[in-house]
Amino acid sequence: MKVILDINNFWSPSGGGVRLYHLQKMEYYQKKQSDYKLVFLMQDSYNKTEEISPTLTIEHVKAFKVPGKWWEYRFIYNAKQIKPYIEKHNASIIEVGSPYVLPAAVRKACNASKNKPALAGFWHADFPITYIYRPFKKINSFLAKRLEALAWAYARYQFKNYKGIQVSCKEVMQRMESNGLQNLQRLPLGIDSTLFHPNRKDVALVEELKAGEPNRLTMFFPHRSTEEKGLSLLLNAYPIICEKLGLEPALVFAGTGNRVHLIKEAVKKHKHIKYIGFIKGSEEMARWIASCEMGFALSCWETFGFSILEGMACGQCLIGANSGAAAEHVRESGGGIVLKEMTSENLAQAVCEITQNRNELPAMGAKGRAYAERFSWDACFERQREFYRGLIS
């Protein structure tokens, strides 16, 4: 049996898309009668081995806790931590899902080990653009470009001698190729389109949100409360939307983050803005999504965007950012509007344009639903296994 050792410093018990990917992957291998076994190195506060099934093991690895109130990230960064697990499980493949320090540490651990597994990466975050270029562009464009170039050089070094890197967004993949990253494999991820479905709509919840006004638009923002997700963009657009429509839409925020205080301030100012905190269960998330007519995907740097497809699967009309996976999904599905410019004024205009043609909402929702049904976790992991087979051969 071939063993896949999966390790990712982007894993967090309260994380979003990366956490979902790993949970779904573990579920797939736990149930699958396969010639592959998955061993997931889960950063934790203690060391422990959990034998979940013949094809799934979780290794809890005591790791350094990253300081911060709003996250639960722990980092494995030392090759000496990794080498024992490579040898214990006789790993055939190692997949590394974060680009900081870890890919080089894994490579070093393999060089010191009697095992020589094939190394694969997963580009979960487009960090040279997301965390380097865009923030520094606000300070100085020339500096931003120089730092971005250094970030790409760092990425090439980290993934040196890796046989393949998986990536889920076409635009991101093209950018990686143009910056010298090689052996790229496009891997669309999946969603549960049975769970996320229009029939999850809760009529009582809809009536509560509309508050006696059948024409009130219901909107949902289920993302981290951070600027990169477009939080201020939406909060600043809301008063403009209210003025243009003459009727306050219901706007529901879910999730946590370092800008939650901005949402709480908006709740005090506006009667129809609601904050419900972090939603733990998928069924509860599906209920809220299906009960709101419109969703937002305002991050320009999504590498796949689970929440985008979950919204589409529930029949929501989506307003998407003008680049990254958000633009890709909304444009290819026809299930919403891609913003021309990332401004609050343009966002308000897009919301009002859809609202004033409410008869188009069901059609957009149906297009989004049909598009979302194309993505499944089984298809994703079957395709990934073929990728793994190619690395070994």
Protein backbone atom coordinates (compact mmCIF):
# COMPACT_ATOMS: atom_id res chain seq x y z
CA MET A 1 0.00 0.00 0.00
CA LYS A 2 1.34 3.42 -0.97
CA VAL A 3 1.39 5.99 1.84
CA ILE A 4 0.63 9.69 1.34
CA LEU A 5 2.05 11.88 4.09
CA ASP A 6 0.03 15.12 4.17
CA ILE A 7 1.39 18.16 6.00
CA ASN A 8 0.21 21.77 5.90
CA ASN A 9 0.99 24.72 8.17
CA PHE A 10 -2.18 26.40 6.87
CA TRP A 11 -4.24 23.82 8.80
CA SER A 12 -6.26 25.27 11.67
CA PRO A 13 -9.13 23.72 13.69
CA SER A 14 -11.20 26.84 13.01
CA GLY A 15 -9.90 27.51 9.51
CA GLY A 16 -11.87 27.85 6.31
CA GLY A 17 -11.10 26.37 2.90
CA VAL A 18 -7.84 24.61 3.77
CA ARG A 19 -9.45 22.94 6.78
CA LEU A 20 -12.38 21.82 4.62
CA TYR A 21 -10.05 20.35 1.99
CA HIS A 22 -8.22 18.23 4.58
CA LEU A 23 -11.40 17.13 6.36
CA GLN A 24 -12.91 15.98 3.06
CA LYS A 25 -9.69 14.26 2.04
CA MET A 26 -9.53 12.38 5.35
CA GLU A 27 -13.17 11.34 5.00
CA TYR A 28 -12.54 10.10 1.46
CA TYR A 29 -9.57 7.91 2.46
CA GLN A 30 -11.27 6.67 5.62
CA LYS A 31 -14.15 5.25 3.59
CA LYS A 32 -12.29 4.28 0.42
CA GLN A 33 -11.01 0.76 -0.12
CA SER A 34 -7.82 1.90 -1.76
CA ASP A 35 -4.25 1.01 -2.60
CA TYR A 36 -3.31 4.32 -0.96
CA LYS A 37 -3.21 5.21 2.72
CA LEU A 38 -3.38 8.80 3.97
CA VAL A 39 -1.35 9.90 6.99
CA PHE A 40 -2.20 13.45 8.05
CA LEU A 41 0.30 15.31 10.25
CA MET A 42 -1.98 17.52 12.32
CA GLN A 43 -0.26 20.33 14.25
CA ASP A 44 -1.36 20.19 17.87
CA SER A 45 -0.38 20.82 21.50
CA TYR A 46 0.58 17.17 22.03
CA ASN A 47 1.90 14.06 20.28
CA LYS A 48 -0.49 11.20 19.61
CA THR A 49 -1.22 8.63 16.88
CA GLU A 50 -4.84 7.96 15.88
CA GLU A 51 -5.46 4.93 13.69
CA ILE A 52 -8.81 5.93 12.21
CA SER A 53 -9.08 3.15 9.62
CA PRO A 54 -6.77 0.89 7.59
CA THR A 55 -6.46 3.74 5.06
CA LEU A 56 -6.34 6.78 7.39
CA THR A 57 -4.01 7.71 10.24
CA ILE A 58 -3.84 11.08 12.02
CA GLU A 59 -0.52 11.94 13.65
CA HIS A 60 -0.97 14.74 16.17
CA VAL A 61 2.35 16.59 16.22
CA LYS A 62 3.28 19.01 18.99
CA ALA A 63 4.05 22.25 17.18
CA PHE A 64 4.81 25.93 17.80
CA LYS A 65 1.67 28.05 18.33
CA VAL A 66 1.65 31.21 16.23
CA PRO A 67 0.87 34.19 18.49
CA GLY A 68 -2.48 35.81 17.80
CA LYS A 69 -5.97 36.11 19.17
CA TRP A 70 -7.87 35.41 15.97
CA TRP A 71 -6.35 32.14 14.79
CA GLU A 72 -5.17 28.73 16.00
CA TYR A 73 -2.27 28.08 13.65
CA ARG A 74 0.69 25.95 14.70
CA PHE A 75 3.87 25.63 12.63
CA ILE A 76 6.06 22.61 11.96
CA TYR A 77 9.34 24.01 10.67
CA ASN A 78 12.09 21.60 11.68
CA ALA A 79 13.23 18.69 9.52
CA LYS A 80 13.94 16.70 12.71
CA GLN A 81 10.20 16.80 13.52
CA ILE A 82 9.29 15.43 10.10
CA LYS A 83 11.90 12.72 9.45
CA PRO A 84 10.57 10.19 12.05
CA TYR A 85 7.13 10.20 10.44
CA ILE A 86 8.58 9.67 6.95
CA GLU A 87 10.38 6.57 8.19
CA LYS A 88 7.64 5.33 10.52
CA HIS A 89 5.07 5.22 7.73
CA ASN A 90 7.46 4.46 4.84
CA ALA A 91 5.96 7.37 2.91
CA SER A 92 5.73 7.12 -0.88
CA ILE A 93 4.49 10.67 -1.40
CA ILE A 94 4.59 13.80 0.73
CA GLU A 95 2.14 16.60 -0.03
CA VAL A 96 3.07 20.01 1.40
CA GLY A 97 0.29 22.58 1.43
CA SER A 98 2.03 25.75 2.68
CA PRO A 99 4.94 27.60 1.03
CA TYR A 100 6.63 29.10 4.10
CA VAL A 101 9.69 27.18 5.40
CA LEU A 102 7.91 23.82 5.33
CA PRO A 103 8.69 22.69 1.74
CA ALA A 104 12.44 23.13 2.31
CA ALA A 105 12.21 21.47 5.74
CA VAL A 106 10.46 18.45 4.19
CA ARG A 107 13.08 18.27 1.44
CA LYS A 108 15.84 18.34 4.07
CA ALA A 109 14.10 15.63 6.09
CA CYS A 110 13.87 13.42 2.99
CA ASN A 111 17.55 13.95 2.18
CA ALA A 112 18.44 12.77 5.69
CA SER A 113 16.08 9.78 5.52
CA LYS A 114 16.55 6.34 4.04
CA ASN A 115 13.16 6.88 2.36
CA LYS A 116 13.03 8.95 -0.81
CA PRO A 117 9.34 9.80 -1.32
CA ALA A 118 8.07 11.86 -4.23
CA LEU A 119 7.41 15.46 -3.18
CA ALA A 120 4.27 17.35 -4.20
CA GLY A 121 3.00 20.80 -3.28
CA PHE A 122 -0.45 22.34 -3.11
CA TRP A 123 -0.74 26.08 -3.81
CA HIS A 124 -3.47 26.94 -1.32
CA ALA A 125 -2.51 30.62 -1.07
CA ASP A 126 -1.22 32.88 -3.84
CA PHE A 127 1.07 34.57 -1.33
CA PRO A 128 3.37 36.65 -3.62
CA ILE A 129 0.28 38.57 -4.76
CA THR A 130 -2.02 38.25 -1.74
CA TYR A 131 0.36 38.97 1.09
CA ILE A 132 3.22 40.79 -0.64
CA TYR A 133 2.31 42.75 -3.77
CA ARG A 134 -1.18 43.99 -2.92
CA PRO A 135 -0.46 45.23 0.63
CA PHE A 136 2.81 46.95 -0.36
CA LYS A 137 1.28 48.48 -3.48
CA LYS A 138 -0.61 50.84 -1.18
CA ILE A 139 2.76 52.13 0.04
CA ASN A 140 4.89 52.12 -3.10
CA SER A 141 4.30 50.36 -6.45
CA PHE A 142 8.02 49.96 -7.26
CA LEU A 143 8.72 48.45 -3.83
CA ALA A 144 5.73 46.13 -4.22
CA LYS A 145 7.00 44.76 -7.54
CA ARG A 146 10.49 44.20 -6.15
CA LEU A 147 9.17 42.39 -3.10
CA GLU A 148 6.82 40.32 -5.27
CA ALA A 149 9.79 39.22 -7.41
CA LEU A 150 11.63 38.17 -4.24
CA ALA A 151 8.55 36.24 -3.09
CA TRP A 152 8.42 34.32 -6.37
CA ALA A 153 12.14 33.53 -6.05
CA TYR A 154 11.48 32.29 -2.51
CA ALA A 155 8.63 30.08 -3.78
CA ARG A 156 10.87 28.60 -6.49
CA TYR A 157 13.50 27.80 -3.84
CA GLN A 158 10.99 26.29 -1.40
CA PHE A 159 9.52 23.96 -4.05
CA LYS A 160 12.86 23.10 -5.65
CA ASN A 161 12.98 19.42 -6.69
CA TYR A 162 9.25 18.95 -6.10
CA LYS A 163 7.78 16.74 -8.80
CA GLY A 164 4.49 18.60 -9.02
CA ILE A 165 2.45 21.46 -7.55
CA GLN A 166 -1.35 21.31 -7.51
CA VAL A 167 -3.36 24.48 -8.07
CA SER A 168 -7.11 25.03 -8.33
CA CYS A 169 -7.52 28.33 -10.21
CA LYS A 170 -6.69 28.89 -13.88
CA GLU A 171 -5.62 32.50 -13.42
CA VAL A 172 -3.34 31.63 -10.50
CA MET A 173 -1.83 28.73 -12.42
CA GLN A 174 -0.98 31.00 -15.37
CA ARG A 175 0.68 33.46 -13.00
CA MET A 176 2.73 30.70 -11.39
CA GLU A 177 3.91 29.46 -14.80
CA SER A 178 4.93 32.97 -15.85
CA ASN A 179 7.02 33.24 -12.67
CA GLY A 180 8.99 30.07 -13.20
CA LEU A 181 7.16 27.47 -11.11
CA GLN A 182 7.14 24.15 -12.97
CA ASN A 183 5.28 20.82 -13.10
CA LEU A 184 1.93 22.37 -12.29
CA GLN A 185 -1.24 20.29 -12.15
CA ARG A 186 -4.68 21.88 -12.13
CA LEU A 187 -6.91 20.24 -9.54
CA PRO A 188 -10.42 21.68 -9.12
CA LEU A 189 -11.63 20.95 -5.61
CA GLY A 190 -15.16 19.90 -4.69
CA ILE A 191 -18.29 20.72 -2.75
CA ASP A 192 -21.20 18.70 -1.40
CA SER A 193 -23.98 19.79 -3.76
CA THR A 194 -26.44 17.50 -1.98
CA LEU A 195 -25.91 19.26 1.33
CA PHE A 196 -25.65 22.72 -0.22
CA HIS A 197 -28.94 22.84 -2.07
CA PRO A 198 -31.82 25.31 -2.56
CA ASN A 199 -34.11 22.96 -0.61
CA ARG A 200 -32.20 23.95 2.55
CA LYS A 201 -34.11 27.22 2.59
CA ASP A 202 -35.77 27.91 5.95
CA VAL A 203 -39.03 29.78 5.28
CA ALA A 204 -39.30 30.97 8.89
CA LEU A 205 -35.76 32.37 8.72
CA VAL A 206 -36.54 34.13 5.43
CA GLU A 207 -39.61 35.76 6.98
CA GLU A 208 -37.57 36.82 10.00
CA LEU A 209 -34.94 38.48 7.80
CA LYS A 210 -37.49 40.20 5.58
CA ALA A 211 -39.21 41.56 8.72
CA GLY A 212 -42.64 42.01 7.16
CA GLU A 213 -41.39 43.43 3.85
CA PRO A 214 -41.56 40.78 1.05
CA ASN A 215 -39.42 42.90 -1.30
CA ARG A 216 -36.53 43.25 1.15
CA LEU A 217 -33.35 41.78 -0.36
CA THR A 218 -31.56 39.20 1.81
CA MET A 219 -27.75 39.08 1.59
CA PHE A 220 -25.13 36.84 3.23
CA PHE A 221 -21.39 37.29 3.88
CA PRO A 222 -19.92 34.01 5.30
CA HIS A 223 -16.24 34.92 5.29
CA ARG A 224 -13.46 35.83 7.69
CA SER A 225 -13.88 39.35 9.02
CA THR A 226 -10.75 40.69 7.33
CA GLU A 227 -9.96 43.32 4.73
CA GLU A 228 -8.69 40.74 2.22
CA LYS A 229 -12.22 39.28 2.08
CA GLY A 230 -13.71 42.66 1.13
CA LEU A 231 -15.29 43.47 4.50
CA SER A 232 -14.93 47.27 4.39
CA LEU A 233 -15.88 47.26 0.72
CA LEU A 234 -19.27 45.81 1.63
CA LEU A 235 -19.79 47.78 4.83
CA ASN A 236 -19.12 51.04 2.98
CA ALA A 237 -21.42 49.99 0.14
CA TYR A 238 -24.36 49.19 2.44
CA PRO A 239 -25.50 52.80 3.13
CA ILE A 240 -25.26 53.53 -0.60
CA ILE A 241 -27.40 50.46 -1.35
CA CYS A 242 -29.98 51.55 1.23
CA GLU A 243 -30.19 55.02 -0.29
CA LYS A 244 -30.49 53.76 -3.87
CA LEU A 245 -33.09 51.09 -3.09
CA GLY A 246 -35.04 53.09 -0.56
CA LEU A 247 -35.36 49.90 1.48
CA GLU A 248 -32.71 48.49 3.81
CA PRO A 249 -31.64 45.00 2.69
CA ALA A 250 -31.07 42.32 5.30
CA LEU A 251 -27.32 41.70 5.51
CA VAL A 252 -26.07 38.75 7.58
CA PHE A 253 -22.40 38.33 8.54
CA ALA A 254 -20.95 35.01 9.70
CA GLY A 255 -17.41 34.12 10.76
CA THR A 256 -14.65 35.60 12.89
CA GLY A 257 -11.59 37.72 12.27
CA ASN A 258 -9.61 40.75 13.31
CA ARG A 259 -12.21 43.22 11.99
CA VAL A 260 -15.27 41.84 13.79
CA HIS A 261 -15.56 45.13 15.66
CA LEU A 262 -16.46 46.86 12.37
CA ILE A 263 -19.40 44.48 11.91
CA LYS A 264 -20.56 45.01 15.48
CA GLU A 265 -20.46 48.77 14.98
CA ALA A 266 -22.54 48.40 11.80
CA VAL A 267 -25.07 46.23 13.67
CA LYS A 268 -25.62 49.09 16.12
CA LYS A 269 -26.17 51.59 13.30
CA HIS A 270 -28.38 49.53 10.99
CA LYS A 271 -31.48 47.62 12.05
CA HIS A 272 -31.21 45.00 9.31
CA ILE A 273 -27.53 44.08 9.64
CA LYS A 274 -27.07 40.90 11.67
CA TYR A 275 -23.96 39.16 13.01
CA ILE A 276 -24.27 35.45 13.87
CA GLY A 277 -20.63 34.57 14.61
CA PHE A 278 -18.79 31.43 13.54
CA ILE A 279 -21.04 28.71 12.08
CA LYS A 280 -19.65 25.30 13.08
CA GLY A 281 -21.95 22.88 11.24
CA SER A 282 -22.25 22.49 7.47
CA GLU A 283 -26.01 21.94 7.66
CA GLU A 284 -26.47 25.19 9.55
CA MET A 285 -24.28 26.98 7.02
CA ALA A 286 -26.37 25.55 4.16
CA ARG A 287 -29.56 26.75 5.88
CA TRP A 288 -28.30 30.32 6.09
CA ILE A 289 -26.95 30.38 2.53
CA ALA A 290 -30.12 28.93 0.98
CA SER A 291 -32.27 31.38 2.96
CA CYS A 292 -30.49 34.45 1.52
CA GLU A 293 -30.91 35.54 -2.09
CA MET A 294 -27.50 37.09 -2.67
CA GLY A 295 -23.95 36.24 -1.65
CA PHE A 296 -20.60 38.00 -1.96
CA ALA A 297 -17.18 36.76 -3.10
CA LEU A 298 -15.17 39.97 -2.83
CA SER A 299 -11.64 38.62 -2.32
CA CYS A 300 -9.44 39.12 -5.39
CA TRP A 301 -7.06 36.36 -4.37
CA GLU A 302 -9.12 33.23 -3.84
CA THR A 303 -7.35 30.14 -5.16
CA PHE A 304 -10.59 28.13 -5.32
CA GLY A 305 -13.33 29.66 -3.16
CA PHE A 306 -15.48 26.99 -1.49
CA SER A 307 -17.99 29.52 -0.20
CA ILE A 308 -18.53 30.81 -3.74
CA LEU A 309 -19.58 27.39 -5.02
CA GLU A 310 -21.56 26.62 -1.87
CA GLY A 311 -23.54 29.80 -2.47
CA MET A 312 -24.14 28.85 -6.09
CA ALA A 313 -25.14 25.32 -5.12
CA CYS A 314 -27.79 26.81 -2.81
CA GLY A 315 -29.18 28.94 -5.64
CA GLN A 316 -27.74 32.27 -4.56
CA CYS A 317 -26.90 35.04 -7.00
CA LEU A 318 -23.22 35.94 -6.47
CA ILE A 319 -21.37 39.22 -6.79
CA GLY A 320 -17.71 38.46 -7.38
CA ALA A 321 -14.36 40.22 -7.35
CA ASN A 322 -12.77 41.02 -10.68
CA SER A 323 -9.85 38.57 -10.40
CA GLY A 324 -8.93 35.19 -8.97
CA ALA A 325 -11.26 32.25 -8.45
CA ALA A 326 -14.20 34.54 -7.63
CA ALA A 327 -14.14 36.10 -11.10
CA GLU A 328 -13.52 32.69 -12.71
CA HIS A 329 -16.52 31.00 -11.08
CA VAL A 330 -18.99 33.86 -11.48
CA ARG A 331 -17.98 34.55 -15.09
CA GLU A 332 -17.99 30.91 -16.22
CA SER A 333 -21.27 30.09 -14.48
CA GLY A 334 -23.30 33.16 -15.40
CA GLY A 335 -24.59 32.98 -11.84
CA GLY A 336 -24.03 36.60 -10.92
CA ILE A 337 -22.06 39.75 -11.67
CA VAL A 338 -18.29 40.31 -11.73
CA LEU A 339 -17.40 43.78 -10.45
CA LYS A 340 -15.80 46.09 -12.99
CA GLU A 341 -13.91 47.96 -10.27
CA MET A 342 -13.29 47.01 -6.66
CA THR A 343 -14.99 50.04 -5.15
CA SER A 344 -17.94 50.37 -2.78
CA GLU A 345 -19.77 52.51 -5.33
CA ASN A 346 -19.41 49.83 -8.01
CA LEU A 347 -20.49 47.14 -5.56
CA ALA A 348 -23.58 49.12 -4.59
CA GLN A 349 -24.40 49.64 -8.26
CA ALA A 350 -24.14 45.88 -8.94
CA VAL A 351 -26.45 45.02 -6.02
CA CYS A 352 -29.01 47.58 -7.16
CA GLU A 353 -28.79 46.44 -10.78
CA ILE A 354 -29.71 42.90 -9.78
CA THR A 355 -32.37 44.01 -7.30
CA GLN A 356 -34.11 46.20 -9.82
CA ASN A 357 -34.38 43.16 -12.11
CA ARG A 358 -35.48 40.67 -9.45
CA ASN A 359 -37.01 38.38 -12.04
CA GLU A 360 -33.45 37.53 -13.12
CA LEU A 361 -32.47 36.25 -9.67
CA PRO A 362 -33.97 32.75 -10.10
CA ALA A 363 -32.34 32.36 -13.52
CA MET A 364 -28.93 33.39 -12.17
CA GLY A 365 -29.41 31.07 -9.22
CA ALA A 366 -30.24 28.16 -11.54
CA LYS A 367 -27.13 28.80 -13.66
CA GLY A 368 -24.97 28.91 -10.56
CA ARG A 369 -26.51 25.68 -9.26
CA ALA A 370 -25.87 23.87 -12.57
CA TYR A 371 -22.25 25.05 -12.56
CA ALA A 372 -21.63 24.05 -8.92
CA GLU A 373 -22.92 20.52 -9.58
CA ARG A 374 -19.87 19.94 -11.80
CA PHE A 375 -17.58 19.94 -8.73
CA SER A 376 -17.53 16.92 -6.43
CA TRP A 377 -15.06 15.68 -3.83
CA ASP A 378 -14.97 12.16 -5.25
CA ALA A 379 -13.99 13.50 -8.68
CA CYS A 380 -11.37 15.74 -7.07
CA PHE A 381 -9.66 12.96 -5.12
CA GLU A 382 -9.88 10.43 -7.97
CA ARG A 383 -8.09 12.94 -10.17
CA GLN A 384 -5.56 13.58 -7.40
CA ARG A 385 -4.81 9.86 -7.10
CA GLU A 386 -3.97 9.80 -10.80
CA PHE A 387 -1.62 12.71 -10.16
CA TYR A 388 0.02 10.76 -7.32
CA ARG A 389 0.40 7.66 -9.53
CA GLY A 390 2.17 9.80 -12.11
CA LEU A 391 4.60 11.13 -9.50
CA ILE A 392 5.54 7.65 -8.33
CA SER A 393 5.94 6.24 -11.84
